[in-house]
Amino acid sequence: MTIDWENLTLWSSLAGDVLIGFATAIFLFINSRIASISGILGWLLRPVKSDIYWRAAFVAGLIFSPIHFRAAAPLPAVQIDADAAPLIMAGLCWLESAPAKVQAVLVDMVFAVSRGFHRVRW
């Protein structure tokens, strides 16, 4: 692996990391919860009435932030230089580290698709 020192954006990357850390700290301070995407999605798929609004707003921010960014500047090109095997392995590692509730919902979805949607327990 080589680092492209001419195109390295160290300070803007650091600023983005500080912004994400600050937002996560505020989230932890206000909600007394850690901002993990898998946990937020897991509870959003099996919602609790008091938590559904902030969870939906969090997911909406994840979805719409690239759209707002694209309005200001073109999105960078994405190029993945990996075979299928490492990508599958990364997905399996994520699934292994995901909370049990997210895993249960994903398994339910797979069975629902394979057997028809009439047996879904969501």
PDB file of N, CA and C in Angstrom:
ATOM      1  N   MET A   1       0.839  -1.174   0.000  1.00  0.00           N
ATOM      2  CA  MET A   1       0.000   0.000   0.000  1.00  0.00           C
ATOM      3  C   MET A   1       0.886   1.240   0.000  1.00  0.00           C
ATOM      4  N   THR A   2       0.549   2.187  -0.825  1.00  0.00           N
ATOM      5  CA  THR A   2       1.288   3.442  -0.863  1.00  0.00           C
ATOM      6  C   THR A   2       0.333   4.591  -0.578  1.00  0.00           C
ATOM      7  N   ILE A   3       0.862   5.631  -0.015  1.00  0.00           N
ATOM      8  CA  ILE A   3       0.066   6.821   0.293  1.00  0.00           C
ATOM      9  C   ILE A   3       0.319   7.858  -0.779  1.00  0.00           C
ATOM     10  N   ASP A   4      -0.753   8.389  -1.321  1.00  0.00           N
ATOM     11  CA  ASP A   4      -0.665   9.440  -2.328  1.00  0.00           C
ATOM     12  C   ASP A   4      -0.509  10.780  -1.595  1.00  0.00           C
ATOM     13  N   TRP A   5       0.739  11.159  -1.300  1.00  0.00           N
ATOM     14  CA  TRP A   5       1.009  12.337  -0.485  1.00  0.00           C
ATOM     15  C   TRP A   5       0.579  13.630  -1.160  1.00  0.00           C
ATOM     16  N   GLU A   6       0.529  13.666  -2.472  1.00  0.00           N
ATOM     17  CA  GLU A   6       0.150  14.892  -3.174  1.00  0.00           C
ATOM     18  C   GLU A   6      -1.331  15.205  -3.006  1.00  0.00           C
ATOM     19  N   ASN A   7      -2.159  14.173  -2.910  1.00  0.00           N
ATOM     20  CA  ASN A   7      -3.601  14.376  -2.794  1.00  0.00           C
ATOM     21  C   ASN A   7      -4.122  14.103  -1.394  1.00  0.00           C
ATOM     22  N   LEU A   8      -3.247  13.993  -0.424  1.00  0.00           N
ATOM     23  CA  LEU A   8      -3.654  13.734   0.951  1.00  0.00           C
ATOM     24  C   LEU A   8      -4.343  14.970   1.522  1.00  0.00           C
ATOM     25  N   THR A   9      -5.506  14.792   2.069  1.00  0.00           N
ATOM     26  CA  THR A   9      -6.275  15.895   2.649  1.00  0.00           C
ATOM     27  C   THR A   9      -6.298  15.718   4.161  1.00  0.00           C
ATOM     28  N   LEU A  10      -5.155  15.869   4.765  1.00  0.00           N
ATOM     29  CA  LEU A  10      -4.992  15.593   6.188  1.00  0.00           C
ATOM     30  C   LEU A  10      -5.866  16.486   7.063  1.00  0.00           C
ATOM     31  N   TRP A  11      -5.839  17.786   6.837  1.00  0.00           N
ATOM     32  CA  TRP A  11      -6.541  18.708   7.728  1.00  0.00           C
ATOM     33  C   TRP A  11      -8.047  18.637   7.557  1.00  0.00           C
ATOM     34  N   SER A  12      -8.523  18.484   6.330  1.00  0.00           N
ATOM     35  CA  SER A  12      -9.976  18.361   6.160  1.00  0.00           C
ATOM     36  C   SER A  12     -10.470  17.014   6.688  1.00  0.00           C
ATOM     37  N   SER A  13      -9.647  15.974   6.567  1.00  0.00           N
ATOM     38  CA  SER A  13     -10.014  14.679   7.144  1.00  0.00           C
ATOM     39  C   SER A  13     -10.054  14.756   8.662  1.00  0.00           C
ATOM     40  N   LEU A  14      -9.073  15.417   9.232  1.00  0.00           N
ATOM     41  CA  LEU A  14      -9.039  15.587  10.683  1.00  0.00           C
ATOM     42  C   LEU A  14     -10.243  16.404  11.157  1.00  0.00           C
ATOM     43  N   ALA A  15     -10.589  17.443  10.425  1.00  0.00           N
ATOM     44  CA  ALA A  15     -11.754  18.258  10.795  1.00  0.00           C
ATOM     45  C   ALA A  15     -13.036  17.426  10.731  1.00  0.00           C
ATOM     46  N   GLY A  16     -13.162  16.590   9.718  1.00  0.00           N
ATOM     47  CA  GLY A  16     -14.337  15.722   9.627  1.00  0.00           C
ATOM     48  C   GLY A  16     -14.404  14.729  10.767  1.00  0.00           C
ATOM     49  N   ASP A  17     -13.261  14.166  11.139  1.00  0.00           N
ATOM     50  CA  ASP A  17     -13.224  13.235  12.264  1.00  0.00           C
ATOM     51  C   ASP A  17     -13.582  13.921  13.577  1.00  0.00           C
ATOM     52  N   VAL A  18     -13.090  15.133  13.769  1.00  0.00           N
ATOM     53  CA  VAL A  18     -13.422  15.890  14.975  1.00  0.00           C
ATOM     54  C   VAL A  18     -14.919  16.202  14.995  1.00  0.00           C
ATOM     55  N   LEU A  19     -15.488  16.544  13.857  1.00  0.00           N
ATOM     56  CA  LEU A  19     -16.921  16.831  13.781  1.00  0.00           C
ATOM     57  C   LEU A  19     -17.748  15.593  14.122  1.00  0.00           C
ATOM     58  N   ILE A  20     -17.358  14.433  13.594  1.00  0.00           N
ATOM     59  CA  ILE A  20     -18.062  13.189  13.904  1.00  0.00           C
ATOM     60  C   ILE A  20     -17.921  12.852  15.391  1.00  0.00           C
ATOM     61  N   GLY A  21     -16.737  13.014  15.935  1.00  0.00           N
ATOM     62  CA  GLY A  21     -16.528  12.756  17.361  1.00  0.00           C
ATOM     63  C   GLY A  21     -17.341  13.688  18.239  1.00  0.00           C
ATOM     64  N   PHE A  22     -17.405  14.961  17.855  1.00  0.00           N
ATOM     65  CA  PHE A  22     -18.191  15.938  18.607  1.00  0.00           C
ATOM     66  C   PHE A  22     -19.674  15.585  18.556  1.00  0.00           C
ATOM     67  N   ALA A  23     -20.168  15.222  17.371  1.00  0.00           N
ATOM     68  CA  ALA A  23     -21.579  14.848  17.238  1.00  0.00           C
ATOM     69  C   ALA A  23     -21.894  13.590  18.043  1.00  0.00           C
ATOM     70  N   THR A  24     -20.977  12.635  18.052  1.00  0.00           N
ATOM     71  CA  THR A  24     -21.184  11.414  18.832  1.00  0.00           C
ATOM     72  C   THR A  24     -21.181  11.715  20.323  1.00  0.00           C
ATOM     73  N   ALA A  25     -20.309  12.614  20.753  1.00  0.00           N
ATOM     74  CA  ALA A  25     -20.275  12.992  22.167  1.00  0.00           C
ATOM     75  C   ALA A  25     -21.571  13.695  22.579  1.00  0.00           C
ATOM     76  N   ILE A  26     -22.073  14.565  21.722  1.00  0.00           N
ATOM     77  CA  ILE A  26     -23.351  15.227  22.006  1.00  0.00           C
ATOM     78  C   ILE A  26     -24.472  14.201  22.066  1.00  0.00           C
ATOM     79  N   PHE A  27     -24.478  13.255  21.136  1.00  0.00           N
ATOM     80  CA  PHE A  27     -25.494  12.202  21.116  1.00  0.00           C
ATOM     81  C   PHE A  27     -25.435  11.396  22.414  1.00  0.00           C
ATOM     82  N   LEU A  28     -24.231  11.047  22.855  1.00  0.00           N
ATOM     83  CA  LEU A  28     -24.071  10.289  24.095  1.00  0.00           C
ATOM     84  C   LEU A  28     -24.534  11.110  25.293  1.00  0.00           C
ATOM     85  N   PHE A  29     -24.220  12.383  25.317  1.00  0.00           N
ATOM     86  CA  PHE A  29     -24.608  13.247  26.431  1.00  0.00           C
ATOM     87  C   PHE A  29     -26.121  13.426  26.502  1.00  0.00           C
ATOM     88  N   ILE A  30     -26.771  13.619  25.359  1.00  0.00           N
ATOM     89  CA  ILE A  30     -28.215  13.874  25.345  1.00  0.00           C
ATOM     90  C   ILE A  30     -29.023  12.590  25.551  1.00  0.00           C
ATOM     91  N   ASN A  31     -28.661  11.512  24.851  1.00  0.00           N
ATOM     92  CA  ASN A  31     -29.476  10.294  24.874  1.00  0.00           C
ATOM     93  C   ASN A  31     -28.955   9.207  25.806  1.00  0.00           C
ATOM     94  N   SER A  32     -27.775   9.384  26.363  1.00  0.00           N
ATOM     95  CA  SER A  32     -27.130   8.356  27.185  1.00  0.00           C
ATOM     96  C   SER A  32     -27.010   7.036  26.431  1.00  0.00           C
ATOM     97  N   ARG A  33     -26.768   7.122  25.137  1.00  0.00           N
ATOM     98  CA  ARG A  33     -26.600   5.952  24.282  1.00  0.00           C
ATOM     99  C   ARG A  33     -25.441   6.199  23.333  1.00  0.00           C
ATOM    100  N   ILE A  34     -24.832   5.101  22.903  1.00  0.00           N
ATOM    101  CA  ILE A  34     -23.753   5.192  21.925  1.00  0.00           C
ATOM    102  C   ILE A  34     -24.369   5.163  20.535  1.00  0.00           C
ATOM    103  N   ALA A  35     -23.897   6.003  19.641  1.00  0.00           N
ATOM    104  CA  ALA A  35     -24.446   6.111  18.286  1.00  0.00           C
ATOM    105  C   ALA A  35     -23.846   5.023  17.402  1.00  0.00           C
ATOM    106  N   SER A  36     -24.413   3.834  17.448  1.00  0.00           N
ATOM    107  CA  SER A  36     -23.981   2.770  16.543  1.00  0.00           C
ATOM    108  C   SER A  36     -25.079   2.546  15.523  1.00  0.00           C
ATOM    109  N   ILE A  37     -24.704   2.517  14.277  1.00  0.00           N
ATOM    110  CA  ILE A  37     -25.704   2.400  13.215  1.00  0.00           C
ATOM    111  C   ILE A  37     -26.460   1.085  13.321  1.00  0.00           C
ATOM    112  N   SER A  38     -25.760  -0.002  13.616  1.00  0.00           N
ATOM    113  CA  SER A  38     -26.446  -1.292  13.697  1.00  0.00           C
ATOM    114  C   SER A  38     -27.441  -1.313  14.855  1.00  0.00           C
ATOM    115  N   GLY A  39     -27.092  -0.708  15.972  1.00  0.00           N
ATOM    116  CA  GLY A  39     -28.035  -0.650  17.089  1.00  0.00           C
ATOM    117  C   GLY A  39     -29.235   0.218  16.786  1.00  0.00           C
ATOM    118  N   ILE A  40     -29.004   1.344  16.144  1.00  0.00           N
ATOM    119  CA  ILE A  40     -30.115   2.240  15.804  1.00  0.00           C
ATOM    120  C   ILE A  40     -31.036   1.588  14.789  1.00  0.00           C
ATOM    121  N   LEU A  41     -30.461   0.946  13.757  1.00  0.00           N
ATOM    122  CA  LEU A  41     -31.298   0.255  12.768  1.00  0.00           C
ATOM    123  C   LEU A  41     -32.029  -0.928  13.379  1.00  0.00           C
ATOM    124  N   GLY A  42     -31.367  -1.671  14.255  1.00  0.00           N
ATOM    125  CA  GLY A  42     -32.002  -2.819  14.886  1.00  0.00           C
ATOM    126  C   GLY A  42     -33.230  -2.431  15.685  1.00  0.00           C
ATOM    127  N   TRP A  43     -33.118  -1.364  16.452  1.00  0.00           N
ATOM    128  CA  TRP A  43     -34.272  -0.908  17.229  1.00  0.00           C
ATOM    129  C   TRP A  43     -35.294  -0.192  16.364  1.00  0.00           C
ATOM    130  N   LEU A  44     -34.879   0.339  15.227  1.00  0.00           N
ATOM    131  CA  LEU A  44     -35.844   0.986  14.332  1.00  0.00           C
ATOM    132  C   LEU A  44     -36.718  -0.054  13.635  1.00  0.00           C
ATOM    133  N   LEU A  45     -36.158  -1.230  13.364  1.00  0.00           N
ATOM    134  CA  LEU A  45     -36.941  -2.284  12.732  1.00  0.00           C
ATOM    135  C   LEU A  45     -37.922  -2.937  13.711  1.00  0.00           C
ATOM    136  N   ARG A  46     -37.639  -2.851  14.990  1.00  0.00           N
ATOM    137  CA  ARG A  46     -38.564  -3.309  16.038  1.00  0.00           C
ATOM    138  C   ARG A  46     -38.733  -2.135  16.998  1.00  0.00           C
ATOM    139  N   PRO A  47     -39.548  -1.155  16.607  1.00  0.00           N
ATOM    140  CA  PRO A  47     -39.521   0.143  17.287  1.00  0.00           C
ATOM    141  C   PRO A  47     -40.168   0.144  18.669  1.00  0.00           C
ATOM    142  N   VAL A  48     -39.647   1.030  19.495  1.00  0.00           N
ATOM    143  CA  VAL A  48     -40.253   1.406  20.757  1.00  0.00           C
ATOM    144  C   VAL A  48     -40.820   2.797  20.522  1.00  0.00           C
ATOM    145  N   LYS A  49     -42.045   3.021  20.930  1.00  0.00           N
ATOM    146  CA  LYS A  49     -42.746   4.250  20.563  1.00  0.00           C
ATOM    147  C   LYS A  49     -41.993   5.525  20.950  1.00  0.00           C
ATOM    148  N   SER A  50     -41.342   5.532  22.095  1.00  0.00           N
ATOM    149  CA  SER A  50     -40.656   6.755  22.534  1.00  0.00           C
ATOM    150  C   SER A  50     -39.364   7.027  21.768  1.00  0.00           C
ATOM    151  N   ASP A  51     -38.791   6.014  21.143  1.00  0.00           N
ATOM    152  CA  ASP A  51     -37.502   6.174  20.468  1.00  0.00           C
ATOM    153  C   ASP A  51     -37.589   6.283  18.960  1.00  0.00           C
ATOM    154  N   ILE A  52     -38.733   6.087  18.384  1.00  0.00           N
ATOM    155  CA  ILE A  52     -38.814   5.958  16.929  1.00  0.00           C
ATOM    156  C   ILE A  52     -38.467   7.263  16.196  1.00  0.00           C
ATOM    157  N   TYR A  53     -38.780   8.411  16.781  1.00  0.00           N
ATOM    158  CA  TYR A  53     -38.579   9.675  16.067  1.00  0.00           C
ATOM    159  C   TYR A  53     -37.103  10.019  15.912  1.00  0.00           C
ATOM    160  N   TRP A  54     -36.325   9.933  16.990  1.00  0.00           N
ATOM    161  CA  TRP A  54     -34.913  10.283  16.856  1.00  0.00           C
ATOM    162  C   TRP A  54     -34.169   9.235  16.053  1.00  0.00           C
ATOM    163  N   ARG A  55     -34.584   7.970  16.115  1.00  0.00           N
ATOM    164  CA  ARG A  55     -33.937   6.934  15.310  1.00  0.00           C
ATOM    165  C   ARG A  55     -34.216   7.149  13.822  1.00  0.00           C
ATOM    166  N   ALA A  56     -35.470   7.477  13.499  1.00  0.00           N
ATOM    167  CA  ALA A  56     -35.822   7.756  12.107  1.00  0.00           C
ATOM    168  C   ALA A  56     -35.075   8.996  11.605  1.00  0.00           C
ATOM    169  N   ALA A  57     -34.928  10.022  12.446  1.00  0.00           N
ATOM    170  CA  ALA A  57     -34.189  11.220  12.054  1.00  0.00           C
ATOM    171  C   ALA A  57     -32.711  10.898  11.825  1.00  0.00           C
ATOM    172  N   PHE A  58     -32.132  10.018  12.645  1.00  0.00           N
ATOM    173  CA  PHE A  58     -30.740   9.618  12.481  1.00  0.00           C
ATOM    174  C   PHE A  58     -30.543   8.913  11.142  1.00  0.00           C
ATOM    175  N   VAL A  59     -31.423   7.961  10.826  1.00  0.00           N
ATOM    176  CA  VAL A  59     -31.320   7.223   9.563  1.00  0.00           C
ATOM    177  C   VAL A  59     -31.580   8.160   8.384  1.00  0.00           C
ATOM    178  N   ALA A  60     -32.540   9.072   8.515  1.00  0.00           N
ATOM    179  CA  ALA A  60     -32.802  10.037   7.439  1.00  0.00           C
ATOM    180  C   ALA A  60     -31.572  10.908   7.190  1.00  0.00           C
ATOM    181  N   GLY A  61     -30.865  11.278   8.249  1.00  0.00           N
ATOM    182  CA  GLY A  61     -29.629  12.042   8.075  1.00  0.00           C
ATOM    183  C   GLY A  61     -28.570  11.254   7.335  1.00  0.00           C
ATOM    184  N   LEU A  62     -28.484   9.955   7.610  1.00  0.00           N
ATOM    185  CA  LEU A  62     -27.526   9.110   6.887  1.00  0.00           C
ATOM    186  C   LEU A  62     -27.876   9.014   5.405  1.00  0.00           C
ATOM    187  N   ILE A  63     -29.165   8.964   5.127  1.00  0.00           N
ATOM    188  CA  ILE A  63     -29.606   8.814   3.737  1.00  0.00           C
ATOM    189  C   ILE A  63     -29.497  10.121   2.967  1.00  0.00           C
ATOM    190  N   PHE A  64     -29.916  11.229   3.578  1.00  0.00           N
ATOM    191  CA  PHE A  64     -30.012  12.486   2.844  1.00  0.00           C
ATOM    192  C   PHE A  64     -28.740  13.335   2.869  1.00  0.00           C
ATOM    193  N   SER A  65     -27.786  13.024   3.737  1.00  0.00           N
ATOM    194  CA  SER A  65     -26.567  13.834   3.746  1.00  0.00           C
ATOM    195  C   SER A  65     -25.773  13.736   2.444  1.00  0.00           C
ATOM    196  N   PRO A  66     -25.652  12.573   1.790  1.00  0.00           N
ATOM    197  CA  PRO A  66     -24.970  12.568   0.485  1.00  0.00           C
ATOM    198  C   PRO A  66     -25.718  13.375  -0.576  1.00  0.00           C
ATOM    199  N   ILE A  67     -27.033  13.411  -0.473  1.00  0.00           N
ATOM    200  CA  ILE A  67     -27.829  14.190  -1.441  1.00  0.00           C
ATOM    201  C   ILE A  67     -27.536  15.678  -1.264  1.00  0.00           C
ATOM    202  N   HIS A  68     -27.466  16.138  -0.010  1.00  0.00           N
ATOM    203  CA  HIS A  68     -27.145  17.544   0.237  1.00  0.00           C
ATOM    204  C   HIS A  68     -25.707  17.855  -0.153  1.00  0.00           C
ATOM    205  N   PHE A  69     -24.806  16.933   0.096  1.00  0.00           N
ATOM    206  CA  PHE A  69     -23.412  17.126  -0.312  1.00  0.00           C
ATOM    207  C   PHE A  69     -23.311  17.235  -1.827  1.00  0.00           C
ATOM    208  N   ARG A  70     -24.064  16.396  -2.513  1.00  0.00           N
ATOM    209  CA  ARG A  70     -24.036  16.395  -3.981  1.00  0.00           C
ATOM    210  C   ARG A  70     -24.557  17.707  -4.556  1.00  0.00           C
ATOM    211  N   ALA A  71     -25.459  18.353  -3.847  1.00  0.00           N
ATOM    212  CA  ALA A  71     -25.962  19.648  -4.307  1.00  0.00           C
ATOM    213  C   ALA A  71     -24.865  20.702  -4.258  1.00  0.00           C
ATOM    214  N   ALA A  72     -23.918  20.563  -3.330  1.00  0.00           N
ATOM    215  CA  ALA A  72     -22.851  21.546  -3.188  1.00  0.00           C
ATOM    216  C   ALA A  72     -21.628  21.212  -4.037  1.00  0.00           C
ATOM    217  N   ALA A  73     -21.353  19.928  -4.212  1.00  0.00           N
ATOM    218  CA  ALA A  73     -20.152  19.519  -4.948  1.00  0.00           C
ATOM    219  C   ALA A  73     -20.393  18.133  -5.543  1.00  0.00           C
ATOM    220  N   PRO A  74     -19.710  17.805  -6.594  1.00  0.00           N
ATOM    221  CA  PRO A  74     -19.901  16.464  -7.163  1.00  0.00           C
ATOM    222  C   PRO A  74     -19.358  15.388  -6.214  1.00  0.00           C
ATOM    223  N   LEU A  75     -20.034  14.272  -6.194  1.00  0.00           N
ATOM    224  CA  LEU A  75     -19.577  13.160  -5.363  1.00  0.00           C
ATOM    225  C   LEU A  75     -18.295  12.578  -5.946  1.00  0.00           C
ATOM    226  N   PRO A  76     -17.383  12.167  -5.097  1.00  0.00           N
ATOM    227  CA  PRO A  76     -16.153  11.560  -5.612  1.00  0.00           C
ATOM    228  C   PRO A  76     -16.437  10.195  -6.223  1.00  0.00           C
ATOM    229  N   ALA A  77     -15.614   9.812  -7.167  1.00  0.00           N
ATOM    230  CA  ALA A  77     -15.774   8.508  -7.804  1.00  0.00           C
ATOM    231  C   ALA A  77     -15.390   7.413  -6.813  1.00  0.00           C
ATOM    232  N   VAL A  78     -16.163   6.343  -6.829  1.00  0.00           N
ATOM    233  CA  VAL A  78     -15.898   5.216  -5.940  1.00  0.00           C
ATOM    234  C   VAL A  78     -15.327   4.075  -6.770  1.00  0.00           C
ATOM    235  N   GLN A  79     -14.172   3.589  -6.347  1.00  0.00           N
ATOM    236  CA  GLN A  79     -13.543   2.478  -7.036  1.00  0.00           C
ATOM    237  C   GLN A  79     -13.128   1.457  -5.982  1.00  0.00           C
ATOM    238  N   ILE A  80     -13.652   0.252  -6.106  1.00  0.00           N
ATOM    239  CA  ILE A  80     -13.329  -0.814  -5.164  1.00  0.00           C
ATOM    240  C   ILE A  80     -12.409  -1.794  -5.874  1.00  0.00           C
ATOM    241  N   ASP A  81     -11.186  -1.895  -5.396  1.00  0.00           N
ATOM    242  CA  ASP A  81     -10.200  -2.803  -5.985  1.00  0.00           C
ATOM    243  C   ASP A  81     -10.069  -4.052  -5.125  1.00  0.00           C
ATOM    244  N   ALA A  82     -11.153  -4.800  -5.027  1.00  0.00           N
ATOM    245  CA  ALA A  82     -11.140  -6.018  -4.229  1.00  0.00           C
ATOM    246  C   ALA A  82     -11.942  -7.085  -4.937  1.00  0.00           C
ATOM    247  N   ASP A  83     -11.550  -8.312  -4.711  1.00  0.00           N
ATOM    248  CA  ASP A  83     -12.318  -9.424  -5.241  1.00  0.00           C
ATOM    249  C   ASP A  83     -13.574  -9.621  -4.395  1.00  0.00           C
ATOM    250  N   ALA A  84     -14.419 -10.524  -4.825  1.00  0.00           N
ATOM    251  CA  ALA A  84     -15.658 -10.781  -4.099  1.00  0.00           C
ATOM    252  C   ALA A  84     -15.390 -11.401  -2.729  1.00  0.00           C
ATOM    253  N   ALA A  85     -14.371 -12.243  -2.620  1.00  0.00           N
ATOM    254  CA  ALA A  85     -14.115 -12.946  -1.361  1.00  0.00           C
ATOM    255  C   ALA A  85     -13.851 -12.001  -0.184  1.00  0.00           C
ATOM    256  N   PRO A  86     -12.985 -10.977  -0.315  1.00  0.00           N
ATOM    257  CA  PRO A  86     -12.789 -10.063   0.820  1.00  0.00           C
ATOM    258  C   PRO A  86     -14.043  -9.268   1.172  1.00  0.00           C
ATOM    259  N   LEU A  87     -14.831  -8.920   0.169  1.00  0.00           N
ATOM    260  CA  LEU A  87     -16.061  -8.184   0.451  1.00  0.00           C
ATOM    261  C   LEU A  87     -17.063  -9.056   1.203  1.00  0.00           C
ATOM    262  N   ILE A  88     -17.172 -10.316   0.810  1.00  0.00           N
ATOM    263  CA  ILE A  88     -18.059 -11.240   1.511  1.00  0.00           C
ATOM    264  C   ILE A  88     -17.568 -11.452   2.936  1.00  0.00           C
ATOM    265  N   MET A  89     -16.260 -11.582   3.095  1.00  0.00           N
ATOM    266  CA  MET A  89     -15.689 -11.763   4.427  1.00  0.00           C
ATOM    267  C   MET A  89     -15.949 -10.542   5.311  1.00  0.00           C
ATOM    268  N   ALA A  90     -15.839  -9.363   4.742  1.00  0.00           N
ATOM    269  CA  ALA A  90     -16.118  -8.148   5.511  1.00  0.00           C
ATOM    270  C   ALA A  90     -17.584  -8.112   5.933  1.00  0.00           C
ATOM    271  N   GLY A  91     -18.477  -8.506   5.042  1.00  0.00           N
ATOM    272  CA  GLY A  91     -19.894  -8.566   5.394  1.00  0.00           C
ATOM    273  C   GLY A  91     -20.166  -9.567   6.492  1.00  0.00           C
ATOM    274  N   LEU A  92     -19.508 -10.708   6.443  1.00  0.00           N
ATOM    275  CA  LEU A  92     -19.683 -11.717   7.494  1.00  0.00           C
ATOM    276  C   LEU A  92     -19.113 -11.234   8.823  1.00  0.00           C
ATOM    277  N   CYS A  93     -18.000 -10.521   8.780  1.00  0.00           N
ATOM    278  CA  CYS A  93     -17.435  -9.960  10.012  1.00  0.00           C
ATOM    279  C   CYS A  93     -18.373  -8.922  10.608  1.00  0.00           C
ATOM    280  N   TRP A  94     -18.986  -8.107   9.748  1.00  0.00           N
ATOM    281  CA  TRP A  94     -19.958  -7.139  10.258  1.00  0.00           C
ATOM    282  C   TRP A  94     -21.140  -7.858  10.871  1.00  0.00           C
ATOM    283  N   LEU A  95     -21.639  -8.875  10.205  1.00  0.00           N
ATOM    284  CA  LEU A  95     -22.789  -9.608  10.715  1.00  0.00           C
ATOM    285  C   LEU A  95     -22.455 -10.269  12.047  1.00  0.00           C
ATOM    286  N   GLU A  96     -21.229 -10.747  12.188  1.00  0.00           N
ATOM    287  CA  GLU A  96     -20.824 -11.374  13.442  1.00  0.00           C
ATOM    288  C   GLU A  96     -20.769 -10.361  14.570  1.00  0.00           C
ATOM    289  N   SER A  97     -20.417  -9.131  14.251  1.00  0.00           N
ATOM    290  CA  SER A  97     -20.306  -8.113  15.294  1.00  0.00           C
ATOM    291  C   SER A  97     -21.600  -7.343  15.502  1.00  0.00           C
ATOM    292  N   ALA A  98     -22.578  -7.547  14.642  1.00  0.00           N
ATOM    293  CA  ALA A  98     -23.858  -6.845  14.789  1.00  0.00           C
ATOM    294  C   ALA A  98     -24.603  -7.384  16.006  1.00  0.00           C
ATOM    295  N   PRO A  99     -25.417  -6.559  16.624  1.00  0.00           N
ATOM    296  CA  PRO A  99     -26.197  -7.039  17.768  1.00  0.00           C
ATOM    297  C   PRO A  99     -27.145  -8.167  17.357  1.00  0.00           C
ATOM    298  N   ALA A 100     -27.510  -8.965  18.341  1.00  0.00           N
ATOM    299  CA  ALA A 100     -28.362 -10.129  18.079  1.00  0.00           C
ATOM    300  C   ALA A 100     -29.704  -9.715  17.493  1.00  0.00           C
ATOM    301  N   LYS A 101     -30.206  -8.560  17.877  1.00  0.00           N
ATOM    302  CA  LYS A 101     -31.506  -8.111  17.361  1.00  0.00           C
ATOM    303  C   LYS A 101     -31.429  -7.843  15.856  1.00  0.00           C
ATOM    304  N   VAL A 102     -30.342  -7.231  15.395  1.00  0.00           N
ATOM    305  CA  VAL A 102     -30.173  -6.984  13.962  1.00  0.00           C
ATOM    306  C   VAL A 102     -30.010  -8.306  13.224  1.00  0.00           C
ATOM    307  N   GLN A 103     -29.250  -9.230  13.805  1.00  0.00           N
ATOM    308  CA  GLN A 103     -29.076 -10.532  13.180  1.00  0.00           C
ATOM    309  C   GLN A 103     -30.413 -11.253  13.044  1.00  0.00           C
ATOM    310  N   ALA A 104     -31.242 -11.180  14.073  1.00  0.00           N
ATOM    311  CA  ALA A 104     -32.544 -11.848  14.017  1.00  0.00           C
ATOM    312  C   ALA A 104     -33.429 -11.246  12.931  1.00  0.00           C
ATOM    313  N   VAL A 105     -33.396  -9.935  12.790  1.00  0.00           N
ATOM    314  CA  VAL A 105     -34.199  -9.286  11.754  1.00  0.00           C
ATOM    315  C   VAL A 105     -33.685  -9.674  10.368  1.00  0.00           C
ATOM    316  N   LEU A 106     -32.362  -9.710  10.181  1.00  0.00           N
ATOM    317  CA  LEU A 106     -31.809 -10.104   8.893  1.00  0.00           C
ATOM    318  C   LEU A 106     -32.154 -11.548   8.551  1.00  0.00           C
ATOM    319  N   VAL A 107     -32.086 -12.437   9.529  1.00  0.00           N
ATOM    320  CA  VAL A 107     -32.459 -13.834   9.290  1.00  0.00           C
ATOM    321  C   VAL A 107     -33.936 -13.928   8.937  1.00  0.00           C
ATOM    322  N   ASP A 108     -34.785 -13.182   9.640  1.00  0.00           N
ATOM    323  CA  ASP A 108     -36.210 -13.164   9.311  1.00  0.00           C
ATOM    324  C   ASP A 108     -36.439 -12.686   7.883  1.00  0.00           C
ATOM    325  N   MET A 109     -35.689 -11.670   7.459  1.00  0.00           N
ATOM    326  CA  MET A 109     -35.846 -11.149   6.099  1.00  0.00           C
ATOM    327  C   MET A 109     -35.436 -12.191   5.056  1.00  0.00           C
ATOM    328  N   VAL A 110     -34.342 -12.902   5.321  1.00  0.00           N
ATOM    329  CA  VAL A 110     -33.901 -13.933   4.377  1.00  0.00           C
ATOM    330  C   VAL A 110     -34.945 -15.029   4.260  1.00  0.00           C
ATOM    331  N   PHE A 111     -35.479 -15.474   5.391  1.00  0.00           N
ATOM    332  CA  PHE A 111     -36.503 -16.514   5.341  1.00  0.00           C
ATOM    333  C   PHE A 111     -37.786 -16.003   4.691  1.00  0.00           C
ATOM    334  N   ALA A 112     -38.098 -14.719   4.917  1.00  0.00           N
ATOM    335  CA  ALA A 112     -39.302 -14.157   4.307  1.00  0.00           C
ATOM    336  C   ALA A 112     -39.184 -14.134   2.791  1.00  0.00           C
ATOM    337  N   VAL A 113     -38.024 -13.762   2.295  1.00  0.00           N
ATOM    338  CA  VAL A 113     -37.824 -13.720   0.849  1.00  0.00           C
ATOM    339  C   VAL A 113     -37.819 -15.126   0.262  1.00  0.00           C
ATOM    340  N   SER A 114     -37.195 -16.067   0.976  1.00  0.00           N
ATOM    341  CA  SER A 114     -37.092 -17.415   0.423  1.00  0.00           C
ATOM    342  C   SER A 114     -38.394 -18.201   0.516  1.00  0.00           C
ATOM    343  N   ARG A 115     -39.257 -17.885   1.465  1.00  0.00           N
ATOM    344  CA  ARG A 115     -40.487 -18.652   1.647  1.00  0.00           C
ATOM    345  C   ARG A 115     -41.752 -17.855   1.392  1.00  0.00           C
ATOM    346  N   GLY A 116     -41.633 -16.623   1.051  1.00  0.00           N
ATOM    347  CA  GLY A 116     -42.801 -15.785   0.838  1.00  0.00           C
ATOM    348  C   GLY A 116     -43.019 -14.890   2.043  1.00  0.00           C
ATOM    349  N   PHE A 117     -43.581 -13.736   1.830  1.00  0.00           N
ATOM    350  CA  PHE A 117     -43.695 -12.738   2.887  1.00  0.00           C
ATOM    351  C   PHE A 117     -44.830 -13.008   3.870  1.00  0.00           C
ATOM    352  N   HIS A 118     -45.617 -14.050   3.699  1.00  0.00           N
ATOM    353  CA  HIS A 118     -46.744 -14.284   4.589  1.00  0.00           C
ATOM    354  C   HIS A 118     -46.335 -14.843   5.949  1.00  0.00           C
ATOM    355  N   ARG A 119     -45.069 -15.249   6.139  1.00  0.00           N
ATOM    356  CA  ARG A 119     -44.621 -15.802   7.418  1.00  0.00           C
ATOM    357  C   ARG A 119     -43.688 -14.878   8.163  1.00  0.00           C
ATOM    358  N   VAL A 120     -43.688 -13.630   7.854  1.00  0.00           N
ATOM    359  CA  VAL A 120     -42.752 -12.690   8.477  1.00  0.00           C
ATOM    360  C   VAL A 120     -43.212 -12.374   9.894  1.00  0.00           C
ATOM    361  N   ARG A 121     -42.256 -12.365  10.854  1.00  0.00           N
ATOM    362  CA  ARG A 121     -42.557 -12.067  12.252  1.00  0.00           C
ATOM    363  C   ARG A 121     -42.076 -10.675  12.668  1.00  0.00           C
ATOM    364  N   TRP A 122     -41.871  -9.749  11.793  1.00  0.00           N
ATOM    365  CA  TRP A 122     -41.279  -8.466  12.151  1.00  0.00           C
ATOM    366  C   TRP A 122     -42.160  -7.811  13.159  1.00  0.00           C
TER     367      TRP A 122
END
